Amino acid sequence: MSVKRFAVFGLVALVGCAAPPPPKSPPESAASVSISTSVRGRNVDDIARDVREWHDVAHKDCQATRVVTAQIISQQGQWTVEHWTVEACGAQRFTYRVMIQRTATGIADAVGNVDGSGVKVAP
């Protein structure tokens, strides 16, 4: 075998043995971020997921990476309105309205744009 073939074979073998890229880490848990919300426990992460998904549908090229703030805006009876802010595209921040209803079996949430407009799906 020539030296040239041996070198090419060795390079291919090294590339084949290279470690795969590390797995993409999941979004940061909302519970680990200091936020002011009316919900607790598992519901915090559930709403954070819903807010990130709402954002990601409208911004396919700018996926949300983490929740940075949540703030209670109003409470009336079993309804609470909150503003949740996610970080995406580096340091850009996007704020969404979350309507939370307390029910006999838990909570229900509806995420929307702060101005009440519908989601504009990115192409």
PDB file of N, CA and C in Angstrom:
ATOM      1  N   MET A   1       0.853  -1.165   0.000  1.00  0.00           N
ATOM      2  CA  MET A   1       0.000   0.000   0.000  1.00  0.00           C
ATOM      3  C   MET A   1       0.899   1.228   0.000  1.00  0.00           C
ATOM      4  N   SER A   2       0.574   2.177  -0.837  1.00  0.00           N
ATOM      5  CA  SER A   2       1.407   3.371  -0.912  1.00  0.00           C
ATOM      6  C   SER A   2       1.166   4.248   0.312  1.00  0.00           C
ATOM      7  N   VAL A   3       2.110   5.140   0.550  1.00  0.00           N
ATOM      8  CA  VAL A   3       2.012   6.060   1.681  1.00  0.00           C
ATOM      9  C   VAL A   3       0.797   6.964   1.528  1.00  0.00           C
ATOM     10  N   LYS A   4       0.498   7.372   0.292  1.00  0.00           N
ATOM     11  CA  LYS A   4      -0.627   8.259   0.037  1.00  0.00           C
ATOM     12  C   LYS A   4      -1.936   7.560   0.390  1.00  0.00           C
ATOM     13  N   ARG A   5      -2.123   6.295  -0.043  1.00  0.00           N
ATOM     14  CA  ARG A   5      -3.337   5.555   0.275  1.00  0.00           C
ATOM     15  C   ARG A   5      -3.445   5.319   1.774  1.00  0.00           C
ATOM     16  N   PHE A   6      -2.333   5.032   2.426  1.00  0.00           N
ATOM     17  CA  PHE A   6      -2.332   4.791   3.851  1.00  0.00           C
ATOM     18  C   PHE A   6      -2.778   6.052   4.603  1.00  0.00           C
ATOM     19  N   ALA A   7      -2.298   7.216   4.165  1.00  0.00           N
ATOM     20  CA  ALA A   7      -2.660   8.480   4.808  1.00  0.00           C
ATOM     21  C   ALA A   7      -4.151   8.766   4.625  1.00  0.00           C
ATOM     22  N   VAL A   8      -4.683   8.533   3.417  1.00  0.00           N
ATOM     23  CA  VAL A   8      -6.105   8.764   3.161  1.00  0.00           C
ATOM     24  C   VAL A   8      -6.941   7.804   4.000  1.00  0.00           C
ATOM     25  N   PHE A   9      -6.542   6.524   4.045  1.00  0.00           N
ATOM     26  CA  PHE A   9      -7.261   5.540   4.842  1.00  0.00           C
ATOM     27  C   PHE A   9      -7.256   5.931   6.323  1.00  0.00           C
ATOM     28  N   GLY A  10      -6.108   6.380   6.824  1.00  0.00           N
ATOM     29  CA  GLY A  10      -5.999   6.792   8.225  1.00  0.00           C
ATOM     30  C   GLY A  10      -6.882   7.993   8.533  1.00  0.00           C
ATOM     31  N   LEU A  11      -6.954   8.947   7.609  1.00  0.00           N
ATOM     32  CA  LEU A  11      -7.791  10.124   7.792  1.00  0.00           C
ATOM     33  C   LEU A  11      -9.265   9.738   7.826  1.00  0.00           C
ATOM     34  N   VAL A  12      -9.691   8.860   6.921  1.00  0.00           N
ATOM     35  CA  VAL A  12     -11.073   8.398   6.898  1.00  0.00           C
ATOM     36  C   VAL A  12     -11.405   7.669   8.197  1.00  0.00           C
ATOM     37  N   ALA A  13     -10.485   6.853   8.675  1.00  0.00           N
ATOM     38  CA  ALA A  13     -10.708   6.117   9.917  1.00  0.00           C
ATOM     39  C   ALA A  13     -10.852   7.080  11.096  1.00  0.00           C
ATOM     40  N   LEU A  14     -10.021   8.130  11.143  1.00  0.00           N
ATOM     41  CA  LEU A  14     -10.115   9.106  12.225  1.00  0.00           C
ATOM     42  C   LEU A  14     -11.427   9.873  12.181  1.00  0.00           C
ATOM     43  N   VAL A  15     -11.858  10.262  10.994  1.00  0.00           N
ATOM     44  CA  VAL A  15     -13.119  10.987  10.859  1.00  0.00           C
ATOM     45  C   VAL A  15     -14.273  10.096  11.295  1.00  0.00           C
ATOM     46  N   GLY A  16     -14.235   8.834  10.935  1.00  0.00           N
ATOM     47  CA  GLY A  16     -15.287   7.901  11.329  1.00  0.00           C
ATOM     48  C   GLY A  16     -15.344   7.668  12.823  1.00  0.00           C
ATOM     49  N   CYS A  17     -14.235   7.866  13.511  1.00  0.00           N
ATOM     50  CA  CYS A  17     -14.203   7.648  14.951  1.00  0.00           C
ATOM     51  C   CYS A  17     -14.453   8.917  15.747  1.00  0.00           C
ATOM     52  N   ALA A  18     -14.612  10.017  15.062  1.00  0.00           N
ATOM     53  CA  ALA A  18     -14.830  11.275  15.766  1.00  0.00           C
ATOM     54  C   ALA A  18     -16.129  11.207  16.553  1.00  0.00           C
ATOM     55  N   ALA A  19     -16.150  11.843  17.705  1.00  0.00           N
ATOM     56  CA  ALA A  19     -17.347  11.840  18.545  1.00  0.00           C
ATOM     57  C   ALA A  19     -18.456  12.629  17.857  1.00  0.00           C
ATOM     58  N   PRO A  20     -19.682  12.152  17.991  1.00  0.00           N
ATOM     59  CA  PRO A  20     -20.789  12.894  17.396  1.00  0.00           C
ATOM     60  C   PRO A  20     -20.967  14.222  18.123  1.00  0.00           C
ATOM     61  N   PRO A  21     -21.603  15.188  17.474  1.00  0.00           N
ATOM     62  CA  PRO A  21     -21.794  16.475  18.139  1.00  0.00           C
ATOM     63  C   PRO A  21     -22.658  16.287  19.383  1.00  0.00           C
ATOM     64  N   PRO A  22     -22.469  17.111  20.385  1.00  0.00           N
ATOM     65  CA  PRO A  22     -23.265  16.958  21.602  1.00  0.00           C
ATOM     66  C   PRO A  22     -24.742  17.194  21.285  1.00  0.00           C
ATOM     67  N   PRO A  23     -25.629  16.510  22.004  1.00  0.00           N
ATOM     68  CA  PRO A  23     -27.047  16.704  21.732  1.00  0.00           C
ATOM     69  C   PRO A  23     -27.466  18.127  22.062  1.00  0.00           C
ATOM     70  N   LYS A  24     -28.460  18.616  21.336  1.00  0.00           N
ATOM     71  CA  LYS A  24     -28.969  19.956  21.572  1.00  0.00           C
ATOM     72  C   LYS A  24     -29.631  19.967  22.945  1.00  0.00           C
ATOM     73  N   SER A  25     -29.214  20.915  23.775  1.00  0.00           N
ATOM     74  CA  SER A  25     -29.772  20.943  25.123  1.00  0.00           C
ATOM     75  C   SER A  25     -31.200  21.460  25.083  1.00  0.00           C
ATOM     76  N   PRO A  26     -32.053  20.932  25.977  1.00  0.00           N
ATOM     77  CA  PRO A  26     -33.434  21.385  25.995  1.00  0.00           C
ATOM     78  C   PRO A  26     -33.505  22.822  26.482  1.00  0.00           C
ATOM     79  N   PRO A  27     -34.601  23.513  26.175  1.00  0.00           N
ATOM     80  CA  PRO A  27     -34.724  24.885  26.664  1.00  0.00           C
ATOM     81  C   PRO A  27     -34.634  24.910  28.188  1.00  0.00           C
ATOM     82  N   GLU A  28     -34.118  25.990  28.696  1.00  0.00           N
ATOM     83  CA  GLU A  28     -33.964  26.134  30.140  1.00  0.00           C
ATOM     84  C   GLU A  28     -35.328  26.028  30.814  1.00  0.00           C
ATOM     85  N   SER A  29     -35.375  25.347  31.933  1.00  0.00           N
ATOM     86  CA  SER A  29     -36.614  25.199  32.683  1.00  0.00           C
ATOM     87  C   SER A  29     -37.052  26.560  33.188  1.00  0.00           C
ATOM     88  N   ALA A  30     -38.331  26.871  32.973  1.00  0.00           N
ATOM     89  CA  ALA A  30     -38.853  28.145  33.454  1.00  0.00           C
ATOM     90  C   ALA A  30     -38.803  28.214  34.972  1.00  0.00           C
ATOM     91  N   ALA A  31     -38.890  27.066  35.623  1.00  0.00           N
ATOM     92  CA  ALA A  31     -38.851  27.053  37.076  1.00  0.00           C
ATOM     93  C   ALA A  31     -37.496  27.515  37.599  1.00  0.00           C
ATOM     94  N   SER A  32     -36.446  27.416  36.778  1.00  0.00           N
ATOM     95  CA  SER A  32     -35.116  27.828  37.217  1.00  0.00           C
ATOM     96  C   SER A  32     -34.880  29.320  36.997  1.00  0.00           C
ATOM     97  N   VAL A  33     -35.846  30.000  36.366  1.00  0.00           N
ATOM     98  CA  VAL A  33     -35.749  31.436  36.114  1.00  0.00           C
ATOM     99  C   VAL A  33     -36.627  32.139  37.145  1.00  0.00           C
ATOM    100  N   SER A  34     -36.159  33.248  37.646  1.00  0.00           N
ATOM    101  CA  SER A  34     -36.952  33.987  38.622  1.00  0.00           C
ATOM    102  C   SER A  34     -38.058  34.748  37.902  1.00  0.00           C
ATOM    103  N   ILE A  35     -39.290  34.259  38.029  1.00  0.00           N
ATOM    104  CA  ILE A  35     -40.415  34.895  37.360  1.00  0.00           C
ATOM    105  C   ILE A  35     -41.563  35.076  38.340  1.00  0.00           C
ATOM    106  N   SER A  36     -42.420  36.040  38.057  1.00  0.00           N
ATOM    107  CA  SER A  36     -43.590  36.306  38.887  1.00  0.00           C
ATOM    108  C   SER A  36     -44.817  35.811  38.136  1.00  0.00           C
ATOM    109  N   THR A  37     -45.334  34.672  38.559  1.00  0.00           N
ATOM    110  CA  THR A  37     -46.481  34.074  37.892  1.00  0.00           C
ATOM    111  C   THR A  37     -47.460  33.558  38.938  1.00  0.00           C
ATOM    112  N   SER A  38     -48.692  33.374  38.528  1.00  0.00           N
ATOM    113  CA  SER A  38     -49.722  32.892  39.455  1.00  0.00           C
ATOM    114  C   SER A  38     -49.759  31.379  39.546  1.00  0.00           C
ATOM    115  N   VAL A  39     -48.987  30.689  38.716  1.00  0.00           N
ATOM    116  CA  VAL A  39     -48.993  29.225  38.720  1.00  0.00           C
ATOM    117  C   VAL A  39     -47.748  28.696  39.418  1.00  0.00           C
ATOM    118  N   ARG A  40     -47.800  27.439  39.786  1.00  0.00           N
ATOM    119  CA  ARG A  40     -46.694  26.820  40.502  1.00  0.00           C
ATOM    120  C   ARG A  40     -46.377  25.449  39.914  1.00  0.00           C
ATOM    121  N   GLY A  41     -45.224  24.930  40.322  1.00  0.00           N
ATOM    122  CA  GLY A  41     -44.836  23.566  39.982  1.00  0.00           C
ATOM    123  C   GLY A  41     -44.772  23.297  38.495  1.00  0.00           C
ATOM    124  N   ARG A  42     -45.294  22.139  38.123  1.00  0.00           N
ATOM    125  CA  ARG A  42     -45.242  21.668  36.734  1.00  0.00           C
ATOM    126  C   ARG A  42     -45.923  22.635  35.768  1.00  0.00           C
ATOM    127  N   ASN A  43     -46.924  23.375  36.267  1.00  0.00           N
ATOM    128  CA  ASN A  43     -47.650  24.303  35.401  1.00  0.00           C
ATOM    129  C   ASN A  43     -46.756  25.414  34.853  1.00  0.00           C
ATOM    130  N   VAL A  44     -45.734  25.792  35.602  1.00  0.00           N
ATOM    131  CA  VAL A  44     -44.804  26.827  35.129  1.00  0.00           C
ATOM    132  C   VAL A  44     -44.111  26.350  33.856  1.00  0.00           C
ATOM    133  N   ASP A  45     -43.569  25.137  33.890  1.00  0.00           N
ATOM    134  CA  ASP A  45     -42.884  24.607  32.703  1.00  0.00           C
ATOM    135  C   ASP A  45     -43.857  24.357  31.555  1.00  0.00           C
ATOM    136  N   ASP A  46     -45.088  23.955  31.880  1.00  0.00           N
ATOM    137  CA  ASP A  46     -46.089  23.728  30.822  1.00  0.00           C
ATOM    138  C   ASP A  46     -46.414  25.028  30.088  1.00  0.00           C
ATOM    139  N   ILE A  47     -46.616  26.105  30.840  1.00  0.00           N
ATOM    140  CA  ILE A  47     -46.915  27.390  30.199  1.00  0.00           C
ATOM    141  C   ILE A  47     -45.694  27.905  29.446  1.00  0.00           C
ATOM    142  N   ALA A  48     -44.502  27.747  30.018  1.00  0.00           N
ATOM    143  CA  ALA A  48     -43.275  28.173  29.325  1.00  0.00           C
ATOM    144  C   ALA A  48     -43.156  27.458  27.982  1.00  0.00           C
ATOM    145  N   ARG A  49     -43.453  26.160  27.960  1.00  0.00           N
ATOM    146  CA  ARG A  49     -43.423  25.393  26.705  1.00  0.00           C
ATOM    147  C   ARG A  49     -44.438  25.960  25.710  1.00  0.00           C
ATOM    148  N   ASP A  50     -45.653  26.250  26.186  1.00  0.00           N
ATOM    149  CA  ASP A  50     -46.693  26.788  25.301  1.00  0.00           C
ATOM    150  C   ASP A  50     -46.276  28.137  24.716  1.00  0.00           C
ATOM    151  N   VAL A  51     -45.665  28.988  25.527  1.00  0.00           N
ATOM    152  CA  VAL A  51     -45.218  30.303  25.048  1.00  0.00           C
ATOM    153  C   VAL A  51     -44.108  30.136  24.009  1.00  0.00           C
ATOM    154  N   ARG A  52     -43.137  29.253  24.281  1.00  0.00           N
ATOM    155  CA  ARG A  52     -42.056  29.021  23.304  1.00  0.00           C
ATOM    156  C   ARG A  52     -42.625  28.474  21.999  1.00  0.00           C
ATOM    157  N   GLU A  53     -43.585  27.543  22.081  1.00  0.00           N
ATOM    158  CA  GLU A  53     -44.183  26.980  20.866  1.00  0.00           C
ATOM    159  C   GLU A  53     -44.922  28.051  20.071  1.00  0.00           C
ATOM    160  N   TRP A  54     -45.666  28.934  20.762  1.00  0.00           N
ATOM    161  CA  TRP A  54     -46.373  30.029  20.079  1.00  0.00           C
ATOM    162  C   TRP A  54     -45.361  30.892  19.332  1.00  0.00           C
ATOM    163  N   HIS A  55     -44.287  31.243  20.016  1.00  0.00           N
ATOM    164  CA  HIS A  55     -43.240  32.056  19.399  1.00  0.00           C
ATOM    165  C   HIS A  55     -42.638  31.340  18.184  1.00  0.00           C
ATOM    166  N   ASP A  56     -42.304  30.080  18.345  1.00  0.00           N
ATOM    167  CA  ASP A  56     -41.613  29.334  17.295  1.00  0.00           C
ATOM    168  C   ASP A  56     -42.451  29.173  16.034  1.00  0.00           C
ATOM    169  N   VAL A  57     -43.773  29.098  16.158  1.00  0.00           N
ATOM    170  CA  VAL A  57     -44.647  29.007  14.982  1.00  0.00           C
ATOM    171  C   VAL A  57     -44.545  30.290  14.159  1.00  0.00           C
ATOM    172  N   ALA A  58     -44.489  31.414  14.830  1.00  0.00           N
ATOM    173  CA  ALA A  58     -44.431  32.702  14.133  1.00  0.00           C
ATOM    174  C   ALA A  58     -43.023  33.084  13.692  1.00  0.00           C
ATOM    175  N   HIS A  59     -42.018  32.480  14.294  1.00  0.00           N
ATOM    176  CA  HIS A  59     -40.622  32.855  14.019  1.00  0.00           C
ATOM    177  C   HIS A  59     -39.787  31.603  13.792  1.00  0.00           C
ATOM    178  N   LYS A  60     -40.039  30.904  12.695  1.00  0.00           N
ATOM    179  CA  LYS A  60     -39.348  29.640  12.424  1.00  0.00           C
ATOM    180  C   LYS A  60     -37.826  29.799  12.350  1.00  0.00           C
ATOM    181  N   ASP A  61     -37.356  30.962  11.929  1.00  0.00           N
ATOM    182  CA  ASP A  61     -35.921  31.188  11.791  1.00  0.00           C
ATOM    183  C   ASP A  61     -35.310  31.818  13.047  1.00  0.00           C
ATOM    184  N   CYS A  62     -36.088  31.915  14.102  1.00  0.00           N
ATOM    185  CA  CYS A  62     -35.651  32.607  15.323  1.00  0.00           C
ATOM    186  C   CYS A  62     -36.286  31.918  16.527  1.00  0.00           C
ATOM    187  N   GLN A  63     -35.856  30.685  16.790  1.00  0.00           N
ATOM    188  CA  GLN A  63     -36.473  29.866  17.836  1.00  0.00           C
ATOM    189  C   GLN A  63     -36.209  30.429  19.233  1.00  0.00           C
ATOM    190  N   ALA A  64     -37.223  30.348  20.085  1.00  0.00           N
ATOM    191  CA  ALA A  64     -37.101  30.793  21.472  1.00  0.00           C
ATOM    192  C   ALA A  64     -36.156  29.864  22.221  1.00  0.00           C
ATOM    193  N   THR A  65     -35.274  30.439  23.019  1.00  0.00           N
ATOM    194  CA  THR A  65     -34.318  29.635  23.765  1.00  0.00           C
ATOM    195  C   THR A  65     -34.671  29.507  25.234  1.00  0.00           C
ATOM    196  N   ARG A  66     -35.290  30.556  25.800  1.00  0.00           N
ATOM    197  CA  ARG A  66     -35.643  30.471  27.211  1.00  0.00           C
ATOM    198  C   ARG A  66     -36.640  31.568  27.580  1.00  0.00           C
ATOM    199  N   VAL A  67     -37.341  31.324  28.673  1.00  0.00           N
ATOM    200  CA  VAL A  67     -38.220  32.333  29.255  1.00  0.00           C
ATOM    201  C   VAL A  67     -37.354  33.227  30.120  1.00  0.00           C
ATOM    202  N   VAL A  68     -37.519  34.538  29.987  1.00  0.00           N
ATOM    203  CA  VAL A  68     -36.704  35.444  30.801  1.00  0.00           C
ATOM    204  C   VAL A  68     -37.522  36.164  31.865  1.00  0.00           C
ATOM    205  N   THR A  69     -38.805  36.401  31.609  1.00  0.00           N
ATOM    206  CA  THR A  69     -39.644  37.033  32.625  1.00  0.00           C
ATOM    207  C   THR A  69     -41.091  36.589  32.461  1.00  0.00           C
ATOM    208  N   ALA A  70     -41.814  36.707  33.540  1.00  0.00           N
ATOM    209  CA  ALA A  70     -43.268  36.557  33.527  1.00  0.00           C
ATOM    210  C   ALA A  70     -43.794  37.551  34.551  1.00  0.00           C
ATOM    211  N   GLN A  71     -44.918  38.185  34.228  1.00  0.00           N
ATOM    212  CA  GLN A  71     -45.459  39.213  35.104  1.00  0.00           C
ATOM    213  C   GLN A  71     -46.975  39.114  35.125  1.00  0.00           C
ATOM    214  N   ILE A  72     -47.556  39.138  36.311  1.00  0.00           N
ATOM    215  CA  ILE A  72     -49.009  39.136  36.440  1.00  0.00           C
ATOM    216  C   ILE A  72     -49.517  40.526  36.067  1.00  0.00           C
ATOM    217  N   ILE A  73     -50.460  40.580  35.118  1.00  0.00           N
ATOM    218  CA  ILE A  73     -51.028  41.853  34.663  1.00  0.00           C
ATOM    219  C   ILE A  73     -52.349  42.131  35.367  1.00  0.00           C
ATOM    220  N   SER A  74     -53.229  41.126  35.414  1.00  0.00           N
ATOM    221  CA  SER A  74     -54.512  41.314  36.090  1.00  0.00           C
ATOM    222  C   SER A  74     -55.067  39.970  36.540  1.00  0.00           C
ATOM    223  N   GLN A  75     -55.928  40.026  37.540  1.00  0.00           N
ATOM    224  CA  GLN A  75     -56.615  38.834  38.031  1.00  0.00           C
ATOM    225  C   GLN A  75     -58.069  39.204  38.278  1.00  0.00           C
ATOM    226  N   GLN A  76     -58.962  38.341  37.797  1.00  0.00           N
ATOM    227  CA  GLN A  76     -60.383  38.561  38.018  1.00  0.00           C
ATOM    228  C   GLN A  76     -61.054  37.194  38.094  1.00  0.00           C
ATOM    229  N   GLY A  77     -61.532  36.858  39.271  1.00  0.00           N
ATOM    230  CA  GLY A  77     -62.167  35.565  39.456  1.00  0.00           C
ATOM    231  C   GLY A  77     -61.186  34.438  39.196  1.00  0.00           C
ATOM    232  N   GLN A  78     -61.581  33.529  38.338  1.00  0.00           N
ATOM    233  CA  GLN A  78     -60.712  32.386  38.032  1.00  0.00           C
ATOM    234  C   GLN A  78     -59.749  32.656  36.877  1.00  0.00           C
ATOM    235  N   TRP A  79     -59.748  33.876  36.345  1.00  0.00           N
ATOM    236  CA  TRP A  79     -58.880  34.236  35.223  1.00  0.00           C
ATOM    237  C   TRP A  79     -57.715  35.101  35.682  1.00  0.00           C
ATOM    238  N   THR A  80     -56.548  34.834  35.129  1.00  0.00           N
ATOM    239  CA  THR A  80     -55.362  35.661  35.339  1.00  0.00           C
ATOM    240  C   THR A  80     -54.750  35.952  33.975  1.00  0.00           C
ATOM    241  N   VAL A  81     -54.357  37.203  33.760  1.00  0.00           N
ATOM    242  CA  VAL A  81     -53.649  37.581  32.535  1.00  0.00           C
ATOM    243  C   VAL A  81     -52.211  37.896  32.928  1.00  0.00           C
ATOM    244  N   GLU A  82     -51.278  37.270  32.212  1.00  0.00           N
ATOM    245  CA  GLU A  82     -49.858  37.483  32.471  1.00  0.00           C
ATOM    246  C   GLU A  82     -49.132  37.794  31.171  1.00  0.00           C
ATOM    247  N   HIS A  83     -48.008  38.469  31.269  1.00  0.00           N
ATOM    248  CA  HIS A  83     -47.112  38.675  30.129  1.00  0.00           C
ATOM    249  C   HIS A  83     -45.867  37.836  30.371  1.00  0.00           C
ATOM    250  N   TRP A  84     -45.558  36.968  29.407  1.00  0.00           N
ATOM    251  CA  TRP A  84     -44.366  36.115  29.468  1.00  0.00           C
ATOM    252  C   TRP A  84     -43.427  36.559  28.344  1.00  0.00           C
ATOM    253  N   THR A  85     -42.146  36.695  28.662  1.00  0.00           N
ATOM    254  CA  THR A  85     -41.149  37.137  27.691  1.00  0.00           C
ATOM    255  C   THR A  85     -40.134  36.026  27.467  1.00  0.00           C
ATOM    256  N   VAL A  86     -39.875  35.744  26.184  1.00  0.00           N
ATOM    257  CA  VAL A  86     -38.861  34.753  25.819  1.00  0.00           C
ATOM    258  C   VAL A  86     -37.704  35.456  25.140  1.00  0.00           C
ATOM    259  N   GLU A  87     -36.556  34.792  25.184  1.00  0.00           N
ATOM    260  CA  GLU A  87     -35.373  35.277  24.487  1.00  0.00           C
ATOM    261  C   GLU A  87     -35.169  34.401  23.260  1.00  0.00           C
ATOM    262  N   ALA A  88     -34.847  35.033  22.143  1.00  0.00           N
ATOM    263  CA  ALA A  88     -34.618  34.309  20.888  1.00  0.00           C
ATOM    264  C   ALA A  88     -33.665  35.123  20.027  1.00  0.00           C
ATOM    265  N   CYS A  89     -33.124  34.481  18.997  1.00  0.00           N
ATOM    266  CA  CYS A  89     -32.213  35.175  18.056  1.00  0.00           C
ATOM    267  C   CYS A  89     -31.122  35.927  18.802  1.00  0.00           C
ATOM    268  N   GLY A  90     -30.447  35.253  19.672  1.00  0.00           N
ATOM    269  CA  GLY A  90     -29.411  35.925  20.450  1.00  0.00           C
ATOM    270  C   GLY A  90     -30.039  36.594  21.649  1.00  0.00           C
ATOM    271  N   ALA A  91     -30.072  37.907  21.656  1.00  0.00           N
ATOM    272  CA  ALA A  91     -30.570  38.631  22.824  1.00  0.00           C
ATOM    273  C   ALA A  91     -31.915  39.318  22.581  1.00  0.00           C
ATOM    274  N   GLN A  92     -32.591  39.033  21.473  1.00  0.00           N
ATOM    275  CA  GLN A  92     -33.892  39.664  21.226  1.00  0.00           C
ATOM    276  C   GLN A  92     -34.924  39.095  22.182  1.00  0.00           C
ATOM    277  N   ARG A  93     -35.838  39.955  22.617  1.00  0.00           N
ATOM    278  CA  ARG A  93     -36.901  39.524  23.525  1.00  0.00           C
ATOM    279  C   ARG A  93     -38.267  39.757  22.894  1.00  0.00           C
ATOM    280  N   PHE A  94     -39.155  38.798  23.130  1.00  0.00           N
ATOM    281  CA  PHE A  94     -40.512  38.835  22.593  1.00  0.00           C
ATOM    282  C   PHE A  94     -41.475  38.559  23.739  1.00  0.00           C
ATOM    283  N   THR A  95     -42.489  39.413  23.893  1.00  0.00           N
ATOM    284  CA  THR A  95     -43.440  39.275  24.987  1.00  0.00           C
ATOM    285  C   THR A  95     -44.797  38.830  24.458  1.00  0.00           C
ATOM    286  N   TYR A  96     -45.425  37.892  25.168  1.00  0.00           N
ATOM    287  CA  TYR A  96     -46.726  37.339  24.784  1.00  0.00           C
ATOM    288  C   TYR A  96     -47.681  37.379  25.965  1.00  0.00           C
ATOM    289  N   ARG A  97     -48.978  37.497  25.648  1.00  0.00           N
ATOM    290  CA  ARG A  97     -50.023  37.481  26.671  1.00  0.00           C
ATOM    291  C   ARG A  97     -50.437  36.030  26.925  1.00  0.00           C
ATOM    292  N   VAL A  98     -50.553  35.666  28.184  1.00  0.00           N
ATOM    293  CA  VAL A  98     -51.031  34.334  28.563  1.00  0.00           C
ATOM    294  C   VAL A  98     -52.255  34.523  29.446  1.00  0.00           C
ATOM    295  N   MET A  99     -53.369  33.942  29.012  1.00  0.00           N
ATOM    296  CA  MET A  99     -54.582  33.955  29.821  1.00  0.00           C
ATOM    297  C   MET A  99     -54.671  32.596  30.509  1.00  0.00           C
ATOM    298  N   ILE A 100     -54.756  32.627  31.817  1.00  0.00           N
ATOM    299  CA  ILE A 100     -54.768  31.402  32.612  1.00  0.00           C
ATOM    300  C   ILE A 100     -56.117  31.296  33.317  1.00  0.00           C
ATOM    301  N   GLN A 101     -56.768  30.152  33.150  1.00  0.00           N
ATOM    302  CA  GLN A 101     -58.037  29.908  33.827  1.00  0.00           C
ATOM    303  C   GLN A 101     -57.854  28.763  34.810  1.00  0.00           C
ATOM    304  N   ARG A 102     -58.258  28.992  36.027  1.00  0.00           N
ATOM    305  CA  ARG A 102     -58.230  27.937  37.032  1.00  0.00           C
ATOM    306  C   ARG A 102     -59.521  27.136  36.897  1.00  0.00           C
ATOM    307  N   THR A 103     -59.379  25.815  36.851  1.00  0.00           N
ATOM    308  CA  THR A 103     -60.530  24.927  36.732  1.00  0.00           C
ATOM    309  C   THR A 103     -60.539  23.956  37.904  1.00  0.00           C
ATOM    310  N   ALA A 104     -61.566  23.159  37.985  1.00  0.00           N
ATOM    311  CA  ALA A 104     -61.671  22.176  39.063  1.00  0.00           C
ATOM    312  C   ALA A 104     -60.558  21.133  38.982  1.00  0.00           C
ATOM    313  N   THR A 105     -60.040  20.899  37.781  1.00  0.00           N
ATOM    314  CA  THR A 105     -59.016  19.863  37.607  1.00  0.00           C
ATOM    315  C   THR A 105     -57.610  20.416  37.403  1.00  0.00           C
ATOM    316  N   GLY A 106     -57.435  21.727  37.451  1.00  0.00           N
ATOM    317  CA  GLY A 106     -56.101  22.301  37.242  1.00  0.00           C
ATOM    318  C   GLY A 106     -56.194  23.670  36.612  1.00  0.00           C
ATOM    319  N   ILE A 107     -55.424  23.861  35.539  1.00  0.00           N
ATOM    320  CA  ILE A 107     -55.454  25.139  34.828  1.00  0.00           C
ATOM    321  C   ILE A 107     -55.556  24.888  33.333  1.00  0.00           C
ATOM    322  N   ALA A 108     -56.001  25.930  32.636  1.00  0.00           N
ATOM    323  CA  ALA A 108     -55.961  25.956  31.172  1.00  0.00           C
ATOM    324  C   ALA A 108     -55.313  27.277  30.804  1.00  0.00           C
ATOM    325  N   ASP A 109     -54.487  27.275  29.759  1.00  0.00           N
ATOM    326  CA  ASP A 109     -53.856  28.523  29.351  1.00  0.00           C
ATOM    327  C   ASP A 109     -54.037  28.746  27.862  1.00  0.00           C
ATOM    328  N   ALA A 110     -54.065  30.017  27.486  1.00  0.00           N
ATOM    329  CA  ALA A 110     -54.153  30.410  26.082  1.00  0.00           C
ATOM    330  C   ALA A 110     -53.104  31.488  25.846  1.00  0.00           C
ATOM    331  N   VAL A 111     -52.201  31.228  24.926  1.00  0.00           N
ATOM    332  CA  VAL A 111     -51.125  32.164  24.619  1.00  0.00           C
ATOM    333  C   VAL A 111     -51.523  32.975  23.391  1.00  0.00           C
ATOM    334  N   GLY A 112     -51.201  34.241  23.400  1.00  0.00           N
ATOM    335  CA  GLY A 112     -51.484  35.100  22.256  1.00  0.00           C
ATOM    336  C   GLY A 112     -50.539  36.285  22.234  1.00  0.00           C
ATOM    337  N   ASN A 113     -50.660  37.072  21.197  1.00  0.00           N
ATOM    338  CA  ASN A 113     -49.857  38.284  21.097  1.00  0.00           C
ATOM    339  C   ASN A 113     -50.413  39.319  22.070  1.00  0.00           C
ATOM    340  N   VAL A 114     -49.561  40.175  22.592  1.00  0.00           N
ATOM    341  CA  VAL A 114     -49.967  41.175  23.567  1.00  0.00           C
ATOM    342  C   VAL A 114     -51.059  42.075  22.998  1.00  0.00           C
ATOM    343  N   ASP A 115     -50.977  42.377  21.710  1.00  0.00           N
ATOM    344  CA  ASP A 115     -51.974  43.269  21.105  1.00  0.00           C
ATOM    345  C   ASP A 115     -53.268  42.549  20.712  1.00  0.00           C
ATOM    346  N   GLY A 116     -53.349  41.259  20.992  1.00  0.00           N
ATOM    347  CA  GLY A 116     -54.561  40.494  20.694  1.00  0.00           C
ATOM    348  C   GLY A 116     -54.649  39.960  19.278  1.00  0.00           C
ATOM    349  N   SER A 117     -53.676  40.264  18.442  1.00  0.00           N
ATOM    350  CA  SER A 117     -53.699  39.774  17.069  1.00  0.00           C
ATOM    351  C   SER A 117     -53.380  38.286  17.029  1.00  0.00           C
ATOM    352  N   GLY A 118     -53.804  37.622  15.951  1.00  0.00           N
ATOM    353  CA  GLY A 118     -53.522  36.202  15.793  1.00  0.00           C
ATOM    354  C   GLY A 118     -52.079  35.956  15.418  1.00  0.00           C
ATOM    355  N   VAL A 119     -51.677  34.703  15.498  1.00  0.00           N
ATOM    356  CA  VAL A 119     -50.311  34.342  15.131  1.00  0.00           C
ATOM    357  C   VAL A 119     -50.148  34.493  13.617  1.00  0.00           C
ATOM    358  N   LYS A 120     -49.033  35.030  13.228  1.00  0.00           N
ATOM    359  CA  LYS A 120     -48.696  35.135  11.804  1.00  0.00           C
ATOM    360  C   LYS A 120     -47.639  34.082  11.539  1.00  0.00           C
ATOM    361  N   VAL A 121     -48.042  33.020  10.869  1.00  0.00           N
ATOM    362  CA  VAL A 121     -47.152  31.887  10.652  1.00  0.00           C
ATOM    363  C   VAL A 121     -46.064  32.281   9.663  1.00  0.00           C
ATOM    364  N   ALA A 122     -44.830  32.034  10.062  1.00  0.00           N
ATOM    365  CA  ALA A 122     -43.692  32.327   9.188  1.00  0.00           C
ATOM    366  C   ALA A 122     -43.677  31.284   8.065  1.00  0.00           C
ATOM    367  N   PRO A 123     -43.290  31.701   6.844  1.00  0.00           N
ATOM    368  CA  PRO A 123     -43.254  30.740   5.718  1.00  0.00           C
ATOM    369  C   PRO A 123     -42.217  29.663   5.916  1.00  0.00           C
TER     370      PRO A 123
END
